[in-house]
Amino acid sequence: MRPETLLHWHRRLIARRWTYPHRKPRRPTIASGVRDRIVRLARENPGWGYLRIVGELCKLGITVSAISVGDILMKAALPPAPRRDRRPGADS
C-alpha cells in the first residue's frame, strides 16, 4: 500500500465524518404576530418598559429578549418608556 492511498482514505473518512452546513448560526426570527403584540402592548401601556413587556409576554408563554423588544419598538418608531409616557404639551 502506498502512502498516498492511505492519505486518500483518511481524507475521505474525515470528509464524511465532519460534514456540517457552512452557514453562520442565527437566532430564529420573531413572528409577525408577536411583533404586533409587542407594539400593541407598548402603545396601550406607555409606562411599561422593555423588561415589563418581556415579563407580560412570558406570562403568555412567549419568550423574547428585552433587546429584541427594544429593537422592535425602535423600528416601530416608539421611544423608550420614560419618553413614551409623557403627554404631548406636558413638557416643562
PDB file of N, CA and C in Angstrom:
ATOM      1  N   MET A   1       0.844  -1.161   0.000  1.00  0.00           N
ATOM      2  CA  MET A   1       0.000   0.000   0.000  1.00  0.00           C
ATOM      3  C   MET A   1       0.899   1.236   0.000  1.00  0.00           C
ATOM      4  N   ARG A   2       0.489   2.207  -0.813  1.00  0.00           N
ATOM      5  CA  ARG A   2       1.283   3.424  -0.904  1.00  0.00           C
ATOM      6  C   ARG A   2       0.776   4.449   0.119  1.00  0.00           C
ATOM      7  N   PRO A   3       1.627   5.369   0.541  1.00  0.00           N
ATOM      8  CA  PRO A   3       1.194   6.405   1.495  1.00  0.00           C
ATOM      9  C   PRO A   3       0.077   7.286   0.932  1.00  0.00           C
ATOM     10  N   GLU A   4       0.093   7.515  -0.387  1.00  0.00           N
ATOM     11  CA  GLU A   4      -0.953   8.338  -0.986  1.00  0.00           C
ATOM     12  C   GLU A   4      -2.329   7.695  -0.817  1.00  0.00           C
ATOM     13  N   THR A   5      -2.373   6.366  -0.927  1.00  0.00           N
ATOM     14  CA  THR A   5      -3.637   5.652  -0.778  1.00  0.00           C
ATOM     15  C   THR A   5      -4.176   5.811   0.640  1.00  0.00           C
ATOM     16  N   LEU A   6      -3.316   5.644   1.604  1.00  0.00           N
ATOM     17  CA  LEU A   6      -3.714   5.794   3.000  1.00  0.00           C
ATOM     18  C   LEU A   6      -4.194   7.224   3.279  1.00  0.00           C
ATOM     19  N   LEU A   7      -3.489   8.205   2.771  1.00  0.00           N
ATOM     20  CA  LEU A   7      -3.905   9.596   2.953  1.00  0.00           C
ATOM     21  C   LEU A   7      -5.247   9.867   2.273  1.00  0.00           C
ATOM     22  N   HIS A   8      -5.457   9.283   1.098  1.00  0.00           N
ATOM     23  CA  HIS A   8      -6.725   9.449   0.399  1.00  0.00           C
ATOM     24  C   HIS A   8      -7.872   8.868   1.225  1.00  0.00           C
ATOM     25  N   TRP A   9      -7.687   7.679   1.763  1.00  0.00           N
ATOM     26  CA  TRP A   9      -8.705   7.063   2.603  1.00  0.00           C
ATOM     27  C   TRP A   9      -8.999   7.920   3.824  1.00  0.00           C
ATOM     28  N   HIS A  10      -7.951   8.415   4.422  1.00  0.00           N
ATOM     29  CA  HIS A  10      -8.113   9.229   5.634  1.00  0.00           C
ATOM     30  C   HIS A  10      -8.883  10.511   5.316  1.00  0.00           C
ATOM     31  N   ARG A  11      -8.534  11.187   4.239  1.00  0.00           N
ATOM     32  CA  ARG A  11      -9.241  12.416   3.859  1.00  0.00           C
ATOM     33  C   ARG A  11     -10.716  12.143   3.570  1.00  0.00           C
ATOM     34  N   ARG A  12     -11.009  11.052   2.882  1.00  0.00           N
ATOM     35  CA  ARG A  12     -12.382  10.697   2.574  1.00  0.00           C
ATOM     36  C   ARG A  12     -13.170  10.373   3.850  1.00  0.00           C
ATOM     37  N   LEU A  13     -12.534   9.680   4.778  1.00  0.00           N
ATOM     38  CA  LEU A  13     -13.176   9.356   6.053  1.00  0.00           C
ATOM     39  C   LEU A  13     -13.490  10.633   6.835  1.00  0.00           C
ATOM     40  N   ILE A  14     -12.539  11.520   6.903  1.00  0.00           N
ATOM     41  CA  ILE A  14     -12.735  12.775   7.626  1.00  0.00           C
ATOM     42  C   ILE A  14     -13.818  13.615   6.949  1.00  0.00           C
ATOM     43  N   ALA A  15     -13.816  13.665   5.625  1.00  0.00           N
ATOM     44  CA  ALA A  15     -14.811  14.445   4.896  1.00  0.00           C
ATOM     45  C   ALA A  15     -16.216  13.915   5.148  1.00  0.00           C
ATOM     46  N   ARG A  16     -16.371  12.593   5.249  1.00  0.00           N
ATOM     47  CA  ARG A  16     -17.685  12.017   5.523  1.00  0.00           C
ATOM     48  C   ARG A  16     -18.103  12.254   6.966  1.00  0.00           C
ATOM     49  N   ARG A  17     -17.154  12.200   7.878  1.00  0.00           N
ATOM     50  CA  ARG A  17     -17.472  12.329   9.306  1.00  0.00           C
ATOM     51  C   ARG A  17     -17.784  13.771   9.688  1.00  0.00           C
ATOM     52  N   TRP A  18     -17.075  14.724   9.162  1.00  0.00           N
ATOM     53  CA  TRP A  18     -17.203  16.115   9.588  1.00  0.00           C
ATOM     54  C   TRP A  18     -17.899  16.961   8.536  1.00  0.00           C
ATOM     55  N   THR A  19     -19.079  16.536   8.147  1.00  0.00           N
ATOM     56  CA  THR A  19     -19.857  17.362   7.236  1.00  0.00           C
ATOM     57  C   THR A  19     -20.874  18.135   8.060  1.00  0.00           C
ATOM     58  N   TYR A  20     -20.969  19.399   7.827  1.00  0.00           N
ATOM     59  CA  TYR A  20     -21.909  20.257   8.517  1.00  0.00           C
ATOM     60  C   TYR A  20     -22.241  21.420   7.595  1.00  0.00           C
ATOM     61  N   PRO A  21     -23.384  22.039   7.816  1.00  0.00           N
ATOM     62  CA  PRO A  21     -23.744  23.168   6.954  1.00  0.00           C
ATOM     63  C   PRO A  21     -22.786  24.329   7.181  1.00  0.00           C
ATOM     64  N   HIS A  22     -22.370  24.945   6.112  1.00  0.00           N
ATOM     65  CA  HIS A  22     -21.416  26.043   6.203  1.00  0.00           C
ATOM     66  C   HIS A  22     -22.162  27.375   6.201  1.00  0.00           C
ATOM     67  N   ARG A  23     -22.910  27.596   7.247  1.00  0.00           N
ATOM     68  CA  ARG A  23     -23.594  28.873   7.402  1.00  0.00           C
ATOM     69  C   ARG A  23     -23.497  29.282   8.857  1.00  0.00           C
ATOM     70  N   LYS A  24     -23.598  30.556   9.080  1.00  0.00           N
ATOM     71  CA  LYS A  24     -23.495  31.077  10.433  1.00  0.00           C
ATOM     72  C   LYS A  24     -24.777  30.770  11.184  1.00  0.00           C
ATOM     73  N   PRO A  25     -24.661  30.400  12.450  1.00  0.00           N
ATOM     74  CA  PRO A  25     -25.876  30.169  13.228  1.00  0.00           C
ATOM     75  C   PRO A  25     -26.612  31.485  13.448  1.00  0.00           C
ATOM     76  N   ARG A  26     -27.914  31.449  13.355  1.00  0.00           N
ATOM     77  CA  ARG A  26     -28.719  32.647  13.541  1.00  0.00           C
ATOM     78  C   ARG A  26     -29.821  32.362  14.533  1.00  0.00           C
ATOM     79  N   ARG A  27     -30.271  33.404  15.162  1.00  0.00           N
ATOM     80  CA  ARG A  27     -31.411  33.257  16.051  1.00  0.00           C
ATOM     81  C   ARG A  27     -32.669  33.111  15.206  1.00  0.00           C
ATOM     82  N   PRO A  28     -33.644  32.404  15.723  1.00  0.00           N
ATOM     83  CA  PRO A  28     -34.901  32.313  14.974  1.00  0.00           C
ATOM     84  C   PRO A  28     -35.576  33.682  14.905  1.00  0.00           C
ATOM     85  N   THR A  29     -36.232  33.961  13.806  1.00  0.00           N
ATOM     86  CA  THR A  29     -36.900  35.243  13.665  1.00  0.00           C
ATOM     87  C   THR A  29     -38.147  35.289  14.533  1.00  0.00           C
ATOM     88  N   ILE A  30     -38.519  36.483  14.920  1.00  0.00           N
ATOM     89  CA  ILE A  30     -39.700  36.670  15.757  1.00  0.00           C
ATOM     90  C   ILE A  30     -40.906  36.791  14.832  1.00  0.00           C
ATOM     91  N   ALA A  31     -41.924  36.042  15.131  1.00  0.00           N
ATOM     92  CA  ALA A  31     -43.117  36.012  14.285  1.00  0.00           C
ATOM     93  C   ALA A  31     -43.783  37.384  14.239  1.00  0.00           C
ATOM     94  N   SER A  32     -44.436  37.669  13.136  1.00  0.00           N
ATOM     95  CA  SER A  32     -45.070  38.984  12.978  1.00  0.00           C
ATOM     96  C   SER A  32     -46.189  39.190  13.993  1.00  0.00           C
ATOM     97  N   GLY A  33     -46.870  38.133  14.386  1.00  0.00           N
ATOM     98  CA  GLY A  33     -47.911  38.257  15.407  1.00  0.00           C
ATOM     99  C   GLY A  33     -47.351  38.692  16.745  1.00  0.00           C
ATOM    100  N   VAL A  34     -46.170  38.181  17.080  1.00  0.00           N
ATOM    101  CA  VAL A  34     -45.514  38.574  18.332  1.00  0.00           C
ATOM    102  C   VAL A  34     -45.047  40.025  18.230  1.00  0.00           C
ATOM    103  N   ARG A  35     -44.525  40.406  17.067  1.00  0.00           N
ATOM    104  CA  ARG A  35     -44.118  41.804  16.861  1.00  0.00           C
ATOM    105  C   ARG A  35     -45.311  42.741  17.039  1.00  0.00           C
ATOM    106  N   ASP A  36     -46.445  42.390  16.443  1.00  0.00           N
ATOM    107  CA  ASP A  36     -47.644  43.213  16.567  1.00  0.00           C
ATOM    108  C   ASP A  36     -48.094  43.318  18.021  1.00  0.00           C
ATOM    109  N   ARG A  37     -48.001  42.209  18.739  1.00  0.00           N
ATOM    110  CA  ARG A  37     -48.406  42.215  20.149  1.00  0.00           C
ATOM    111  C   ARG A  37     -47.488  43.096  20.984  1.00  0.00           C
ATOM    112  N   ILE A  38     -46.186  43.082  20.693  1.00  0.00           N
ATOM    113  CA  ILE A  38     -45.234  43.924  21.422  1.00  0.00           C
ATOM    114  C   ILE A  38     -45.553  45.397  21.192  1.00  0.00           C
ATOM    115  N   VAL A  39     -45.788  45.769  19.946  1.00  0.00           N
ATOM    116  CA  VAL A  39     -46.103  47.165  19.626  1.00  0.00           C
ATOM    117  C   VAL A  39     -47.422  47.569  20.275  1.00  0.00           C
ATOM    118  N   ARG A  40     -48.400  46.675  20.247  1.00  0.00           N
ATOM    119  CA  ARG A  40     -49.692  46.984  20.864  1.00  0.00           C
ATOM    120  C   ARG A  40     -49.562  47.177  22.369  1.00  0.00           C
ATOM    121  N   LEU A  41     -48.810  46.292  23.034  1.00  0.00           N
ATOM    122  CA  LEU A  41     -48.592  46.439  24.473  1.00  0.00           C
ATOM    123  C   LEU A  41     -47.915  47.763  24.796  1.00  0.00           C
ATOM    124  N   ALA A  42     -46.945  48.142  23.998  1.00  0.00           N
ATOM    125  CA  ALA A  42     -46.216  49.386  24.249  1.00  0.00           C
ATOM    126  C   ALA A  42     -47.117  50.602  24.039  1.00  0.00           C
ATOM    127  N   ARG A  43     -47.983  50.563  23.034  1.00  0.00           N
ATOM    128  CA  ARG A  43     -48.861  51.700  22.780  1.00  0.00           C
ATOM    129  C   ARG A  43     -49.967  51.810  23.825  1.00  0.00           C
ATOM    130  N   GLU A  44     -50.505  50.668  24.243  1.00  0.00           N
ATOM    131  CA  GLU A  44     -51.594  50.692  25.219  1.00  0.00           C
ATOM    132  C   GLU A  44     -51.113  50.958  26.634  1.00  0.00           C
ATOM    133  N   ASN A  45     -49.847  50.680  26.920  1.00  0.00           N
ATOM    134  CA  ASN A  45     -49.288  50.861  28.259  1.00  0.00           C
ATOM    135  C   ASN A  45     -48.004  51.678  28.154  1.00  0.00           C
ATOM    136  N   PRO A  46     -48.105  52.998  28.019  1.00  0.00           N
ATOM    137  CA  PRO A  46     -46.921  53.821  27.763  1.00  0.00           C
ATOM    138  C   PRO A  46     -45.901  53.821  28.898  1.00  0.00           C
ATOM    139  N   GLY A  47     -46.292  53.446  30.095  1.00  0.00           N
ATOM    140  CA  GLY A  47     -45.361  53.426  31.217  1.00  0.00           C
ATOM    141  C   GLY A  47     -44.542  52.150  31.314  1.00  0.00           C
ATOM    142  N   TRP A  48     -44.874  51.166  30.510  1.00  0.00           N
ATOM    143  CA  TRP A  48     -44.168  49.887  30.560  1.00  0.00           C
ATOM    144  C   TRP A  48     -42.867  49.978  29.778  1.00  0.00           C
ATOM    145  N   GLY A  49     -41.799  49.516  30.415  1.00  0.00           N
ATOM    146  CA  GLY A  49     -40.507  49.443  29.743  1.00  0.00           C
ATOM    147  C   GLY A  49     -40.334  48.105  29.050  1.00  0.00           C
ATOM    148  N   TYR A  50     -39.142  47.923  28.521  1.00  0.00           N
ATOM    149  CA  TYR A  50     -38.845  46.691  27.773  1.00  0.00           C
ATOM    150  C   TYR A  50     -38.969  45.461  28.666  1.00  0.00           C
ATOM    151  N   LEU A  51     -38.441  45.553  29.881  1.00  0.00           N
ATOM    152  CA  LEU A  51     -38.477  44.391  30.776  1.00  0.00           C
ATOM    153  C   LEU A  51     -39.905  44.037  31.186  1.00  0.00           C
ATOM    154  N   ARG A  52     -40.745  45.032  31.397  1.00  0.00           N
ATOM    155  CA  ARG A  52     -42.129  44.754  31.764  1.00  0.00           C
ATOM    156  C   ARG A  52     -42.859  44.065  30.610  1.00  0.00           C
ATOM    157  N   ILE A  53     -42.606  44.529  29.407  1.00  0.00           N
ATOM    158  CA  ILE A  53     -43.236  43.903  28.233  1.00  0.00           C
ATOM    159  C   ILE A  53     -42.758  42.460  28.096  1.00  0.00           C
ATOM    160  N   VAL A  54     -41.468  42.232  28.324  1.00  0.00           N
ATOM    161  CA  VAL A  54     -40.929  40.856  28.274  1.00  0.00           C
ATOM    162  C   VAL A  54     -41.606  39.994  29.323  1.00  0.00           C
ATOM    163  N   GLY A  55     -41.814  40.544  30.536  1.00  0.00           N
ATOM    164  CA  GLY A  55     -42.474  39.799  31.604  1.00  0.00           C
ATOM    165  C   GLY A  55     -43.908  39.448  31.264  1.00  0.00           C
ATOM    166  N   GLU A  56     -44.619  40.397  30.687  1.00  0.00           N
ATOM    167  CA  GLU A  56     -46.009  40.135  30.304  1.00  0.00           C
ATOM    168  C   GLU A  56     -46.089  39.085  29.201  1.00  0.00           C
ATOM    169  N   LEU A  57     -45.164  39.140  28.244  1.00  0.00           N
ATOM    170  CA  LEU A  57     -45.151  38.126  27.190  1.00  0.00           C
ATOM    171  C   LEU A  57     -44.794  36.755  27.751  1.00  0.00           C
ATOM    172  N   CYS A  58     -43.922  36.746  28.746  1.00  0.00           N
ATOM    173  CA  CYS A  58     -43.530  35.480  29.383  1.00  0.00           C
ATOM    174  C   CYS A  58     -44.747  34.828  30.045  1.00  0.00           C
ATOM    175  N   LYS A  59     -45.605  35.641  30.640  1.00  0.00           N
ATOM    176  CA  LYS A  59     -46.833  35.112  31.252  1.00  0.00           C
ATOM    177  C   LYS A  59     -47.729  34.455  30.207  1.00  0.00           C
ATOM    178  N   LEU A  60     -47.642  34.947  28.975  1.00  0.00           N
ATOM    179  CA  LEU A  60     -48.441  34.374  27.890  1.00  0.00           C
ATOM    180  C   LEU A  60     -47.750  33.198  27.213  1.00  0.00           C
ATOM    181  N   GLY A  61     -46.536  32.867  27.683  1.00  0.00           N
ATOM    182  CA  GLY A  61     -45.798  31.745  27.111  1.00  0.00           C
ATOM    183  C   GLY A  61     -44.953  32.121  25.910  1.00  0.00           C
ATOM    184  N   ILE A  62     -44.697  33.409  25.735  1.00  0.00           N
ATOM    185  CA  ILE A  62     -43.893  33.883  24.612  1.00  0.00           C
ATOM    186  C   ILE A  62     -42.540  34.304  25.153  1.00  0.00           C
ATOM    187  N   THR A  63     -41.472  33.706  24.641  1.00  0.00           N
ATOM    188  CA  THR A  63     -40.123  34.022  25.096  1.00  0.00           C
ATOM    189  C   THR A  63     -39.452  34.938  24.092  1.00  0.00           C
ATOM    190  N   VAL A  64     -39.054  36.110  24.563  1.00  0.00           N
ATOM    191  CA  VAL A  64     -38.371  37.082  23.728  1.00  0.00           C
ATOM    192  C   VAL A  64     -37.472  37.908  24.647  1.00  0.00           C
ATOM    193  N   SER A  65     -36.341  38.377  24.138  1.00  0.00           N
ATOM    194  CA  SER A  65     -35.410  39.129  24.975  1.00  0.00           C
ATOM    195  C   SER A  65     -35.778  40.601  25.003  1.00  0.00           C
ATOM    196  N   ALA A  66     -35.292  41.303  26.028  1.00  0.00           N
ATOM    197  CA  ALA A  66     -35.548  42.740  26.152  1.00  0.00           C
ATOM    198  C   ALA A  66     -34.895  43.505  25.006  1.00  0.00           C
ATOM    199  N   ILE A  67     -33.749  43.037  24.550  1.00  0.00           N
ATOM    200  CA  ILE A  67     -33.074  43.696  23.428  1.00  0.00           C
ATOM    201  C   ILE A  67     -33.922  43.580  22.162  1.00  0.00           C
ATOM    202  N   SER A  68     -34.518  42.422  21.954  1.00  0.00           N
ATOM    203  CA  SER A  68     -35.385  42.241  20.788  1.00  0.00           C
ATOM    204  C   SER A  68     -36.612  43.147  20.878  1.00  0.00           C
ATOM    205  N   VAL A  69     -37.175  43.265  22.078  1.00  0.00           N
ATOM    206  CA  VAL A  69     -38.320  44.152  22.268  1.00  0.00           C
ATOM    207  C   VAL A  69     -37.909  45.590  21.952  1.00  0.00           C
ATOM    208  N   GLY A  70     -36.745  45.999  22.444  1.00  0.00           N
ATOM    209  CA  GLY A  70     -36.259  47.346  22.161  1.00  0.00           C
ATOM    210  C   GLY A  70     -36.058  47.586  20.678  1.00  0.00           C
ATOM    211  N   ASP A  71     -35.499  46.608  19.988  1.00  0.00           N
ATOM    212  CA  ASP A  71     -35.295  46.735  18.538  1.00  0.00           C
ATOM    213  C   ASP A  71     -36.631  46.857  17.799  1.00  0.00           C
ATOM    214  N   ILE A  72     -37.596  46.048  18.207  1.00  0.00           N
ATOM    215  CA  ILE A  72     -38.909  46.085  17.560  1.00  0.00           C
ATOM    216  C   ILE A  72     -39.572  47.436  17.781  1.00  0.00           C
ATOM    217  N   LEU A  73     -39.470  47.972  19.003  1.00  0.00           N
ATOM    218  CA  LEU A  73     -40.095  49.260  19.292  1.00  0.00           C
ATOM    219  C   LEU A  73     -39.379  50.399  18.570  1.00  0.00           C
ATOM    220  N   MET A  74     -38.066  50.293  18.418  1.00  0.00           N
ATOM    221  CA  MET A  74     -37.348  51.329  17.670  1.00  0.00           C
ATOM    222  C   MET A  74     -37.757  51.320  16.204  1.00  0.00           C
ATOM    223  N   LYS A  75     -37.917  50.125  15.625  1.00  0.00           N
ATOM    224  CA  LYS A  75     -38.349  50.030  14.231  1.00  0.00           C
ATOM    225  C   LYS A  75     -39.777  50.547  14.057  1.00  0.00           C
ATOM    226  N   ALA A  76     -40.586  50.459  15.121  1.00  0.00           N
ATOM    227  CA  ALA A  76     -41.955  50.961  15.074  1.00  0.00           C
ATOM    228  C   ALA A  76     -42.019  52.444  15.448  1.00  0.00           C
ATOM    229  N   ALA A  77     -40.862  53.064  15.630  1.00  0.00           N
ATOM    230  CA  ALA A  77     -40.752  54.495  15.973  1.00  0.00           C
ATOM    231  C   ALA A  77     -41.392  54.819  17.311  1.00  0.00           C
ATOM    232  N   LEU A  78     -41.287  53.885  18.262  1.00  0.00           N
ATOM    233  CA  LEU A  78     -41.758  54.128  19.620  1.00  0.00           C
ATOM    234  C   LEU A  78     -40.554  54.344  20.533  1.00  0.00           C
ATOM    235  N   PRO A  79     -40.515  55.468  21.245  1.00  0.00           N
ATOM    236  CA  PRO A  79     -39.377  55.730  22.119  1.00  0.00           C
ATOM    237  C   PRO A  79     -39.426  54.866  23.374  1.00  0.00           C
ATOM    238  N   PRO A  80     -38.360  54.860  24.183  1.00  0.00           N
ATOM    239  CA  PRO A  80     -38.376  54.117  25.439  1.00  0.00           C
ATOM    240  C   PRO A  80     -39.474  54.631  26.378  1.00  0.00           C
ATOM    241  N   ALA A  81     -39.814  53.842  27.391  1.00  0.00           N
ATOM    242  CA  ALA A  81     -40.955  54.121  28.265  1.00  0.00           C
ATOM    243  C   ALA A  81     -40.955  55.519  28.886  1.00  0.00           C
ATOM    244  N   PRO A  82     -39.866  56.035  29.432  1.00  0.00           N
ATOM    245  CA  PRO A  82     -39.973  57.358  30.057  1.00  0.00           C
ATOM    246  C   PRO A  82     -40.405  58.439  29.063  1.00  0.00           C
ATOM    247  N   ARG A  83     -39.966  58.368  27.836  1.00  0.00           N
ATOM    248  CA  ARG A  83     -40.353  59.368  26.837  1.00  0.00           C
ATOM    249  C   ARG A  83     -41.707  59.041  26.220  1.00  0.00           C
ATOM    250  N   ARG A  84     -42.077  57.780  26.201  1.00  0.00           N
ATOM    251  CA  ARG A  84     -43.359  57.372  25.632  1.00  0.00           C
ATOM    252  C   ARG A  84     -44.491  57.742  26.601  1.00  0.00           C
ATOM    253  N   ASP A  85     -44.177  57.815  27.894  1.00  0.00           N
ATOM    254  CA  ASP A  85     -45.166  58.068  28.928  1.00  0.00           C
ATOM    255  C   ASP A  85     -45.593  59.534  28.954  1.00  0.00           C
ATOM    256  N   ARG A  86     -44.767  60.429  28.467  1.00  0.00           N
ATOM    257  CA  ARG A  86     -45.089  61.867  28.503  1.00  0.00           C
ATOM    258  C   ARG A  86     -46.226  62.186  27.545  1.00  0.00           C
ATOM    259  N   ARG A  87     -47.044  63.068  27.990  1.00  0.00           N
ATOM    260  CA  ARG A  87     -48.135  63.533  27.147  1.00  0.00           C
ATOM    261  C   ARG A  87     -47.642  64.705  26.304  1.00  0.00           C
ATOM    262  N   PRO A  88     -48.111  64.853  25.086  1.00  0.00           N
ATOM    263  CA  PRO A  88     -47.714  65.997  24.285  1.00  0.00           C
ATOM    264  C   PRO A  88     -48.140  67.305  24.951  1.00  0.00           C
ATOM    265  N   GLY A  89     -47.239  68.266  24.992  1.00  0.00           N
ATOM    266  CA  GLY A  89     -47.519  69.565  25.588  1.00  0.00           C
ATOM    267  C   GLY A  89     -47.307  69.611  27.085  1.00  0.00           C
ATOM    268  N   ALA A  90     -46.961  68.470  27.720  1.00  0.00           N
ATOM    269  CA  ALA A  90     -46.762  68.446  29.170  1.00  0.00           C
ATOM    270  C   ALA A  90     -45.312  68.675  29.540  1.00  0.00           C
ATOM    271  N   ASP A  91     -44.453  68.948  28.549  1.00  0.00           N
ATOM    272  CA  ASP A  91     -43.041  69.193  28.845  1.00  0.00           C
ATOM    273  C   ASP A  91     -42.892  70.539  29.531  1.00  0.00           C
ATOM    274  N   SER A  92     -42.088  70.572  30.581  1.00  0.00           N
ATOM    275  CA  SER A  92     -41.835  71.844  31.245  1.00  0.00           C
ATOM    276  C   SER A  92     -40.375  72.025  31.519  1.00  0.00           C
TER     277      SER A  92
END
